[in-house]
């Protein structure tokens, strides 16, 4: 259980870094894109937390 708690921040950081890379590589409306990324990140975080709670 303790190990899972340590993994969450790491996984969040990795997801955030990945999203930032994707953001930098794509053009378009930056503000709209940022909102999409925030929503995507929230969904990923929720999924990660669910995985840790279930497992």
Protein backbone atom coordinates (compact mmCIF):
# COMPACT_ATOMS: atom_id res chain seq x y z
CA UNK A 1 0.00 0.00 0.00
CA UNK A 2 2.78 2.40 0.94
CA UNK A 3 4.52 1.81 -2.39
CA UNK A 4 1.34 2.63 -4.31
CA UNK A 5 1.12 6.00 -2.55
CA UNK A 6 4.65 6.82 -3.68
CA UNK A 7 3.84 5.86 -7.27
CA UNK A 8 0.92 8.29 -7.67
CA UNK A 9 2.95 11.55 -7.64
CA UNK A 10 5.53 10.01 -9.97
CA UNK A 11 2.86 8.84 -12.38
CA UNK A 12 1.17 12.25 -12.25
CA UNK A 13 4.46 13.98 -13.03
CA UNK A 14 5.14 11.63 -15.95
CA UNK A 15 1.66 12.22 -17.36
CA UNK A 16 2.13 15.97 -17.01
CA UNK A 17 5.51 15.87 -18.77
CA UNK A 18 4.00 13.82 -21.59
CA UNK A 19 1.15 16.30 -21.99
CA UNK A 20 3.58 19.22 -22.06
CA UNK A 21 5.56 17.51 -24.83
CA UNK A 22 2.37 16.91 -26.79
CA UNK A 23 1.37 20.54 -26.26
CA UNK A 24 4.72 21.83 -27.54
CA UNK A 25 4.59 19.59 -30.60
CA UNK A 26 1.12 20.68 -31.73
CA UNK A 27 0.00 24.05 -32.99
CA UNK A 28 -3.45 25.58 -33.00
CA UNK A 29 -5.29 27.66 -30.47
CA UNK A 30 -3.00 27.51 -27.40
CA UNK A 31 -5.70 28.36 -24.84
CA UNK A 32 -8.17 25.81 -26.15
CA UNK A 33 -5.37 23.25 -26.34
CA UNK A 34 -4.35 23.96 -22.72
CA UNK A 35 -7.93 23.40 -21.57
CA UNK A 36 -8.05 20.09 -23.44
CA UNK A 37 -4.81 19.04 -21.76
CA UNK A 38 -6.09 19.99 -18.31
CA UNK A 39 -9.22 17.89 -18.86
CA UNK A 40 -7.14 15.01 -20.22
CA UNK A 41 -4.80 15.22 -17.22
CA UNK A 42 -7.75 15.17 -14.80
CA UNK A 43 -9.12 12.06 -16.49
CA UNK A 44 -5.73 10.34 -16.38
CA UNK A 45 -5.30 11.22 -12.70
CA UNK A 46 -8.74 9.83 -11.88
CA UNK A 47 -7.91 6.60 -13.73
CA UNK A 48 -4.59 6.30 -11.92
CA UNK A 49 -6.19 6.80 -8.53
CA UNK A 50 -8.88 4.23 -9.37
CA UNK A 51 -6.20 1.71 -10.34
CA UNK A 52 -4.42 2.17 -7.03
CA UNK A 53 -7.62 1.99 -4.98
CA UNK A 54 -8.83 -1.16 -6.74
CA UNK A 55 -5.45 -2.87 -6.85
